[in-house]
């Protein structure tokens, strides 16, 4: 899962990222209005943590851009401004949540999880497709009630595929999801192929149906 932290306090942003990375999130940064707009226009995120007070512009204006483009990124406003007016305006524009600084890391992670679960998985903690079950709380994957061991990248891929089931996903989109904006630095997407190959093998060896299809020349599709 990929998070964009829009925060001009660099140490705070790094502190947040360190915790979220320990929870298996890929984190990117924007420290001013212009950087945030550029990233939002190019990339998609599972959740955006948006400060209201930014050099060069206002966080609420960024929120308006997100909504005007009909992007589905979840948005949590994180700001020292704790006025009712700011909170109400942000939620009216389309923010999913509002968290006043200072906040607890575990509370932030819980809010992020809740938004992603609601947007991608119909508010469920347990994903099921015939013999396949995924417990989002424990981050455990079961095939025919037997747990299989996936790496962090394989687990992230599996959730990404299921969250976008019946859609063809290009390799560059998978590379971006796994590696964030540094995906552009890779000469090819062989690392994506390797992770997908390993995921498919582990699922197949455990007796899972062949839901993950290769769309030659394009990418992959999870059928369900």
C-alpha atoms as a PDB file:
ATOM      1  CA  UNK A   1       0.000   0.000   0.000  1.00  0.00           C
ATOM      2  CA  UNK A   2       1.359   3.411  -0.958  1.00  0.00           C
ATOM      3  CA  UNK A   3       1.114   6.563   1.154  1.00  0.00           C
ATOM      4  CA  UNK A   4       1.916  10.178   0.238  1.00  0.00           C
ATOM      5  CA  UNK A   5       2.937  12.337   3.198  1.00  0.00           C
ATOM      6  CA  UNK A   6       2.355  16.017   2.404  1.00  0.00           C
ATOM      7  CA  UNK A   7       4.122  17.735   5.278  1.00  0.00           C
ATOM      8  CA  UNK A   8       6.658  20.584   5.375  1.00  0.00           C
ATOM      9  CA  UNK A   9       8.045  19.559   8.783  1.00  0.00           C
ATOM     10  CA  UNK A  10      10.680  17.178   7.424  1.00  0.00           C
ATOM     11  CA  UNK A  11      11.507  15.454  10.714  1.00  0.00           C
ATOM     12  CA  UNK A  12       7.839  14.832  11.442  1.00  0.00           C
ATOM     13  CA  UNK A  13       7.333  13.434   7.951  1.00  0.00           C
ATOM     14  CA  UNK A  14      10.320  11.098   8.376  1.00  0.00           C
ATOM     15  CA  UNK A  15       9.055  10.014  11.792  1.00  0.00           C
ATOM     16  CA  UNK A  16       5.638   9.166  10.352  1.00  0.00           C
ATOM     17  CA  UNK A  17       7.234   7.326   7.426  1.00  0.00           C
ATOM     18  CA  UNK A  18       9.493   5.261   9.675  1.00  0.00           C
ATOM     19  CA  UNK A  19       6.485   3.971  11.591  1.00  0.00           C
ATOM     20  CA  UNK A  20       4.318   3.362   8.518  1.00  0.00           C
ATOM     21  CA  UNK A  21       7.133   1.556   6.734  1.00  0.00           C
ATOM     22  CA  UNK A  22       7.319  -0.785   9.717  1.00  0.00           C
ATOM     23  CA  UNK A  23       3.654  -1.521   8.970  1.00  0.00           C
ATOM     24  CA  UNK A  24       4.534  -2.462   5.353  1.00  0.00           C
ATOM     25  CA  UNK A  25       3.518   0.799   3.674  1.00  0.00           C
ATOM     26  CA  UNK A  26       5.529   2.434   0.883  1.00  0.00           C
ATOM     27  CA  UNK A  27       5.909   6.134   1.728  1.00  0.00           C
ATOM     28  CA  UNK A  28       6.607   9.149  -0.467  1.00  0.00           C
ATOM     29  CA  UNK A  29       7.039  12.790   0.506  1.00  0.00           C
ATOM     30  CA  UNK A  30       5.987  16.250  -0.631  1.00  0.00           C
ATOM     31  CA  UNK A  31       7.255  19.167   1.457  1.00  0.00           C
ATOM     32  CA  UNK A  32       5.446  22.000  -0.309  1.00  0.00           C
ATOM     33  CA  UNK A  33       2.368  22.786  -2.372  1.00  0.00           C
ATOM     34  CA  UNK A  34       4.055  22.427  -5.766  1.00  0.00           C
ATOM     35  CA  UNK A  35       5.613  19.050  -5.008  1.00  0.00           C
ATOM     36  CA  UNK A  36       2.291  17.744  -3.729  1.00  0.00           C
ATOM     37  CA  UNK A  37       0.390  18.834  -6.839  1.00  0.00           C
ATOM     38  CA  UNK A  38       3.030  17.325  -9.139  1.00  0.00           C
ATOM     39  CA  UNK A  39       2.921  13.953  -7.393  1.00  0.00           C
ATOM     40  CA  UNK A  40      -0.867  13.836  -7.207  1.00  0.00           C
ATOM     41  CA  UNK A  41      -1.156  14.556 -10.924  1.00  0.00           C
ATOM     42  CA  UNK A  42       1.275  11.757 -11.846  1.00  0.00           C
ATOM     43  CA  UNK A  43       0.728   9.022  -9.257  1.00  0.00           C
ATOM     44  CA  UNK A  44      -2.114   7.295  -7.433  1.00  0.00           C
ATOM     45  CA  UNK A  45      -1.996   6.603  -3.698  1.00  0.00           C
ATOM     46  CA  UNK A  46      -3.921   4.392  -1.313  1.00  0.00           C
ATOM     47  CA  UNK A  47      -3.946   7.253   1.172  1.00  0.00           C
ATOM     48  CA  UNK A  48      -2.661  10.840   1.288  1.00  0.00           C
ATOM     49  CA  UNK A  49      -1.738  12.472   4.605  1.00  0.00           C
ATOM     50  CA  UNK A  50      -2.348  16.149   3.951  1.00  0.00           C
ATOM     51  CA  UNK A  51      -1.129  19.062   6.059  1.00  0.00           C
ATOM     52  CA  UNK A  52      -3.161  22.262   5.649  1.00  0.00           C
ATOM     53  CA  UNK A  53      -0.320  24.751   6.175  1.00  0.00           C
ATOM     54  CA  UNK A  54       2.174  24.388   3.316  1.00  0.00           C
ATOM     55  CA  UNK A  55       4.808  26.606   1.707  1.00  0.00           C
ATOM     56  CA  UNK A  56       3.458  27.903  -1.579  1.00  0.00           C
ATOM     57  CA  UNK A  57      -0.210  27.087  -1.098  1.00  0.00           C
ATOM     58  CA  UNK A  58      -3.040  25.757   0.995  1.00  0.00           C
ATOM     59  CA  UNK A  59      -3.728  22.095   1.717  1.00  0.00           C
ATOM     60  CA  UNK A  60      -7.434  22.533   1.117  1.00  0.00           C
ATOM     61  CA  UNK A  61      -6.659  23.667  -2.434  1.00  0.00           C
ATOM     62  CA  UNK A  62      -4.791  20.393  -2.968  1.00  0.00           C
ATOM     63  CA  UNK A  63      -7.829  18.525  -1.687  1.00  0.00           C
ATOM     64  CA  UNK A  64      -9.996  20.358  -4.223  1.00  0.00           C
ATOM     65  CA  UNK A  65      -7.617  19.315  -7.010  1.00  0.00           C
ATOM     66  CA  UNK A  66      -7.855  15.673  -5.916  1.00  0.00           C
ATOM     67  CA  UNK A  67     -11.633  15.754  -5.949  1.00  0.00           C
ATOM     68  CA  UNK A  68     -11.933  17.750  -9.192  1.00  0.00           C
ATOM     69  CA  UNK A  69      -9.855  15.080 -10.915  1.00  0.00           C
ATOM     70  CA  UNK A  70     -12.172  12.384  -9.492  1.00  0.00           C
ATOM     71  CA  UNK A  71      -9.197  10.570  -7.978  1.00  0.00           C
ATOM     72  CA  UNK A  72     -10.029   7.782  -5.533  1.00  0.00           C
ATOM     73  CA  UNK A  73      -7.054   8.329  -3.210  1.00  0.00           C
ATOM     74  CA  UNK A  74      -8.051   8.334   0.452  1.00  0.00           C
ATOM     75  CA  UNK A  75      -7.228  11.600   2.237  1.00  0.00           C
ATOM     76  CA  UNK A  76      -6.551  12.239   5.916  1.00  0.00           C
ATOM     77  CA  UNK A  77      -5.996  15.870   6.876  1.00  0.00           C
ATOM     78  CA  UNK A  78      -3.220  16.143   9.481  1.00  0.00           C
ATOM     79  CA  UNK A  79      -2.830  19.643  10.821  1.00  0.00           C
ATOM     80  CA  UNK A  80      -2.087  21.694  13.911  1.00  0.00           C
ATOM     81  CA  UNK A  81      -5.043  23.844  12.911  1.00  0.00           C
ATOM     82  CA  UNK A  82      -7.816  22.297  14.941  1.00  0.00           C
ATOM     83  CA  UNK A  83     -10.608  24.769  14.291  1.00  0.00           C
ATOM     84  CA  UNK A  84     -14.096  23.431  13.595  1.00  0.00           C
ATOM     85  CA  UNK A  85     -14.203  25.500  10.402  1.00  0.00           C
ATOM     86  CA  UNK A  86     -11.128  23.823   8.911  1.00  0.00           C
ATOM     87  CA  UNK A  87     -12.336  20.365   9.844  1.00  0.00           C
ATOM     88  CA  UNK A  88     -15.824  20.913   8.444  1.00  0.00           C
ATOM     89  CA  UNK A  89     -14.544  22.502   5.224  1.00  0.00           C
ATOM     90  CA  UNK A  90     -12.044  19.696   4.641  1.00  0.00           C
ATOM     91  CA  UNK A  91     -14.660  17.000   5.154  1.00  0.00           C
ATOM     92  CA  UNK A  92     -17.141  18.871   2.954  1.00  0.00           C
ATOM     93  CA  UNK A  93     -14.614  19.096   0.124  1.00  0.00           C
ATOM     94  CA  UNK A  94     -14.061  15.357   0.357  1.00  0.00           C
ATOM     95  CA  UNK A  95     -11.432  14.409   2.946  1.00  0.00           C
ATOM     96  CA  UNK A  96     -12.047  10.999   4.494  1.00  0.00           C
ATOM     97  CA  UNK A  97     -10.790  11.901   7.961  1.00  0.00           C
ATOM     98  CA  UNK A  98      -9.153  14.640  10.049  1.00  0.00           C
ATOM     99  CA  UNK A  99      -6.436  14.134  12.649  1.00  0.00           C
ATOM    100  CA  UNK A 100      -5.075  17.015  14.734  1.00  0.00           C
ATOM    101  CA  UNK A 101      -1.388  17.202  15.656  1.00  0.00           C
ATOM    102  CA  UNK A 102       0.089  15.829  17.787  1.00  0.00           C
ATOM    103  CA  UNK A 103      -1.270  12.324  17.253  1.00  0.00           C
ATOM    104  CA  UNK A 104      -0.330   8.775  18.143  1.00  0.00           C
ATOM    105  CA  UNK A 105       1.282   6.660  15.414  1.00  0.00           C
ATOM    106  CA  UNK A 106      -0.952   3.697  16.089  1.00  0.00           C
ATOM    107  CA  UNK A 107      -4.064   5.872  15.807  1.00  0.00           C
ATOM    108  CA  UNK A 108      -2.879   7.233  12.460  1.00  0.00           C
ATOM    109  CA  UNK A 109      -2.201   3.700  11.208  1.00  0.00           C
ATOM    110  CA  UNK A 110      -5.663   2.591  12.329  1.00  0.00           C
ATOM    111  CA  UNK A 111      -7.285   5.492  10.467  1.00  0.00           C
ATOM    112  CA  UNK A 112      -5.307   4.694   7.305  1.00  0.00           C
ATOM    113  CA  UNK A 113      -6.244   1.027   7.524  1.00  0.00           C
ATOM    114  CA  UNK A 114      -9.906   1.912   7.995  1.00  0.00           C
ATOM    115  CA  UNK A 115      -9.961   4.151   4.911  1.00  0.00           C
ATOM    116  CA  UNK A 116      -8.198   1.619   2.681  1.00  0.00           C
ATOM    117  CA  UNK A 117     -10.454  -1.176   3.917  1.00  0.00           C
ATOM    118  CA  UNK A 118     -13.564   0.892   3.223  1.00  0.00           C
ATOM    119  CA  UNK A 119     -12.488   2.070  -0.221  1.00  0.00           C
ATOM    120  CA  UNK A 120     -11.005  -1.159  -1.574  1.00  0.00           C
ATOM    121  CA  UNK A 121     -12.528  -4.019   0.390  1.00  0.00           C
ATOM    122  CA  UNK A 122     -16.116  -3.006   1.220  1.00  0.00           C
ATOM    123  CA  UNK A 123     -15.299  -2.370   4.887  1.00  0.00           C
ATOM    124  CA  UNK A 124     -14.396  -5.988   5.533  1.00  0.00           C
ATOM    125  CA  UNK A 125     -11.483  -7.348   7.585  1.00  0.00           C
ATOM    126  CA  UNK A 126     -11.709 -10.763   5.887  1.00  0.00           C
ATOM    127  CA  UNK A 127     -11.401 -11.232   2.137  1.00  0.00           C
ATOM    128  CA  UNK A 128     -12.637 -14.523   0.720  1.00  0.00           C
ATOM    129  CA  UNK A 129     -12.631 -16.037  -2.740  1.00  0.00           C
ATOM    130  CA  UNK A 130     -13.567 -19.695  -2.614  1.00  0.00           C
ATOM    131  CA  UNK A 131     -10.565 -21.502  -1.070  1.00  0.00           C
ATOM    132  CA  UNK A 132      -8.571 -18.280  -0.593  1.00  0.00           C
ATOM    133  CA  UNK A 133      -8.926 -16.196   2.582  1.00  0.00           C
ATOM    134  CA  UNK A 134      -7.022 -13.093   3.661  1.00  0.00           C
ATOM    135  CA  UNK A 135      -7.194 -11.692   7.173  1.00  0.00           C
ATOM    136  CA  UNK A 136      -6.379  -7.985   6.807  1.00  0.00           C
ATOM    137  CA  UNK A 137      -5.884  -7.446  10.536  1.00  0.00           C
ATOM    138  CA  UNK A 138      -3.296 -10.171  11.014  1.00  0.00           C
ATOM    139  CA  UNK A 139      -2.019  -9.880   7.410  1.00  0.00           C
ATOM    140  CA  UNK A 140      -2.391 -13.631   7.048  1.00  0.00           C
ATOM    141  CA  UNK A 141      -3.204 -15.578   3.869  1.00  0.00           C
ATOM    142  CA  UNK A 142      -4.878 -18.989   3.886  1.00  0.00           C
ATOM    143  CA  UNK A 143      -5.602 -21.507   1.126  1.00  0.00           C
ATOM    144  CA  UNK A 144      -7.995 -24.296   2.110  1.00  0.00           C
ATOM    145  CA  UNK A 145      -7.611 -23.113   5.729  1.00  0.00           C
ATOM    146  CA  UNK A 146      -3.821 -23.621   5.646  1.00  0.00           C
ATOM    147  CA  UNK A 147      -1.675 -20.518   6.069  1.00  0.00           C
ATOM    148  CA  UNK A 148       0.866 -19.753   3.375  1.00  0.00           C
ATOM    149  CA  UNK A 149       3.925 -17.588   3.923  1.00  0.00           C
ATOM    150  CA  UNK A 150       4.252 -14.594   1.616  1.00  0.00           C
ATOM    151  CA  UNK A 151       6.911 -11.913   1.582  1.00  0.00           C
ATOM    152  CA  UNK A 152       5.853  -8.302   2.190  1.00  0.00           C
ATOM    153  CA  UNK A 153       5.998  -7.561  -1.544  1.00  0.00           C
ATOM    154  CA  UNK A 154       3.999 -10.676  -2.434  1.00  0.00           C
ATOM    155  CA  UNK A 155       1.344  -9.806   0.146  1.00  0.00           C
ATOM    156  CA  UNK A 156       1.136  -6.246  -1.176  1.00  0.00           C
ATOM    157  CA  UNK A 157       0.766  -7.544  -4.723  1.00  0.00           C
ATOM    158  CA  UNK A 158      -1.990  -9.937  -3.703  1.00  0.00           C
ATOM    159  CA  UNK A 159      -3.992  -7.173  -2.025  1.00  0.00           C
ATOM    160  CA  UNK A 160      -3.420  -4.856  -4.986  1.00  0.00           C
ATOM    161  CA  UNK A 161      -4.678  -7.478  -7.433  1.00  0.00           C
ATOM    162  CA  UNK A 162      -7.758  -8.324  -5.358  1.00  0.00           C
ATOM    163  CA  UNK A 163      -8.502  -4.641  -4.747  1.00  0.00           C
ATOM    164  CA  UNK A 164      -8.507  -4.195  -8.526  1.00  0.00           C
ATOM    165  CA  UNK A 165      -9.991  -7.530  -9.534  1.00  0.00           C
ATOM    166  CA  UNK A 166     -11.192  -7.981 -13.111  1.00  0.00           C
ATOM    167  CA  UNK A 167      -9.048  -5.011 -14.182  1.00  0.00           C
ATOM    168  CA  UNK A 168      -5.937  -5.311 -16.327  1.00  0.00           C
ATOM    169  CA  UNK A 169      -3.017  -3.825 -14.387  1.00  0.00           C
ATOM    170  CA  UNK A 170       0.050  -2.742 -16.321  1.00  0.00           C
ATOM    171  CA  UNK A 171       3.522  -3.683 -15.135  1.00  0.00           C
ATOM    172  CA  UNK A 172       4.479  -0.051 -14.650  1.00  0.00           C
ATOM    173  CA  UNK A 173       1.492   0.404 -12.323  1.00  0.00           C
ATOM    174  CA  UNK A 174       2.661  -2.599 -10.296  1.00  0.00           C
ATOM    175  CA  UNK A 175       6.211  -1.237 -10.196  1.00  0.00           C
ATOM    176  CA  UNK A 176       4.924   2.100  -8.938  1.00  0.00           C
ATOM    177  CA  UNK A 177       2.778   0.398  -6.305  1.00  0.00           C
ATOM    178  CA  UNK A 178       5.693  -1.665  -5.012  1.00  0.00           C
ATOM    179  CA  UNK A 179       8.419   0.958  -5.179  1.00  0.00           C
ATOM    180  CA  UNK A 180       6.768   4.374  -5.289  1.00  0.00           C
ATOM    181  CA  UNK A 181       8.200   7.161  -7.395  1.00  0.00           C
ATOM    182  CA  UNK A 182      11.626   5.469  -7.598  1.00  0.00           C
ATOM    183  CA  UNK A 183      10.047   2.953 -10.009  1.00  0.00           C
ATOM    184  CA  UNK A 184      10.894   5.412 -12.801  1.00  0.00           C
ATOM    185  CA  UNK A 185      14.583   4.807 -12.095  1.00  0.00           C
ATOM    186  CA  UNK A 186      14.469   1.135 -13.106  1.00  0.00           C
ATOM    187  CA  UNK A 187      15.507   0.227 -16.668  1.00  0.00           C
ATOM    188  CA  UNK A 188      12.938  -2.566 -16.771  1.00  0.00           C
ATOM    189  CA  UNK A 189      10.263  -4.214 -14.667  1.00  0.00           C
ATOM    190  CA  UNK A 190      11.916  -7.607 -14.225  1.00  0.00           C
ATOM    191  CA  UNK A 191      11.561  -7.276 -10.442  1.00  0.00           C
ATOM    192  CA  UNK A 192       7.771  -7.077 -10.894  1.00  0.00           C
ATOM    193  CA  UNK A 193       7.790 -10.254 -12.974  1.00  0.00           C
ATOM    194  CA  UNK A 194       9.851 -12.025 -10.310  1.00  0.00           C
ATOM    195  CA  UNK A 195       7.477 -11.068  -7.479  1.00  0.00           C
ATOM    196  CA  UNK A 196       4.387 -12.026  -9.508  1.00  0.00           C
ATOM    197  CA  UNK A 197       5.961 -15.342 -10.529  1.00  0.00           C
ATOM    198  CA  UNK A 198       6.761 -16.189  -6.899  1.00  0.00           C
ATOM    199  CA  UNK A 199       3.277 -15.193  -5.747  1.00  0.00           C
ATOM    200  CA  UNK A 200       1.595 -17.331  -8.409  1.00  0.00           C
ATOM    201  CA  UNK A 201       3.788 -20.320  -7.548  1.00  0.00           C
ATOM    202  CA  UNK A 202       3.060 -20.127  -3.827  1.00  0.00           C
ATOM    203  CA  UNK A 203      -0.691 -19.832  -4.429  1.00  0.00           C
ATOM    204  CA  UNK A 204      -0.740 -22.652  -6.977  1.00  0.00           C
ATOM    205  CA  UNK A 205       1.416 -24.947  -4.821  1.00  0.00           C
ATOM    206  CA  UNK A 206      -1.046 -24.433  -1.965  1.00  0.00           C
ATOM    207  CA  UNK A 207      -3.971 -25.463  -4.171  1.00  0.00           C
ATOM    208  CA  UNK A 208      -5.367 -22.029  -4.963  1.00  0.00           C
ATOM    209  CA  UNK A 209      -7.289 -21.529  -8.189  1.00  0.00           C
ATOM    210  CA  UNK A 210      -5.597 -19.818 -11.119  1.00  0.00           C
ATOM    211  CA  UNK A 211      -7.201 -16.412 -10.572  1.00  0.00           C
ATOM    212  CA  UNK A 212      -4.117 -14.390 -11.510  1.00  0.00           C
ATOM    213  CA  UNK A 213      -3.870 -14.216 -15.294  1.00  0.00           C
ATOM    214  CA  UNK A 214      -1.031 -12.896 -17.410  1.00  0.00           C
ATOM    215  CA  UNK A 215      -2.235 -10.561 -20.144  1.00  0.00           C
ATOM    216  CA  UNK A 216       0.628 -10.823 -22.589  1.00  0.00           C
ATOM    217  CA  UNK A 217       2.126  -7.542 -23.688  1.00  0.00           C
ATOM    218  CA  UNK A 218       0.016  -5.638 -21.172  1.00  0.00           C
ATOM    219  CA  UNK A 219       0.202  -6.840 -17.579  1.00  0.00           C
ATOM    220  CA  UNK A 220      -1.900  -8.947 -15.239  1.00  0.00           C
ATOM    221  CA  UNK A 221      -5.503  -9.416 -14.166  1.00  0.00           C
ATOM    222  CA  UNK A 222      -7.047 -11.017 -11.077  1.00  0.00           C
ATOM    223  CA  UNK A 223     -10.308 -12.734 -12.018  1.00  0.00           C
ATOM    224  CA  UNK A 224     -12.980 -13.114  -9.383  1.00  0.00           C
END
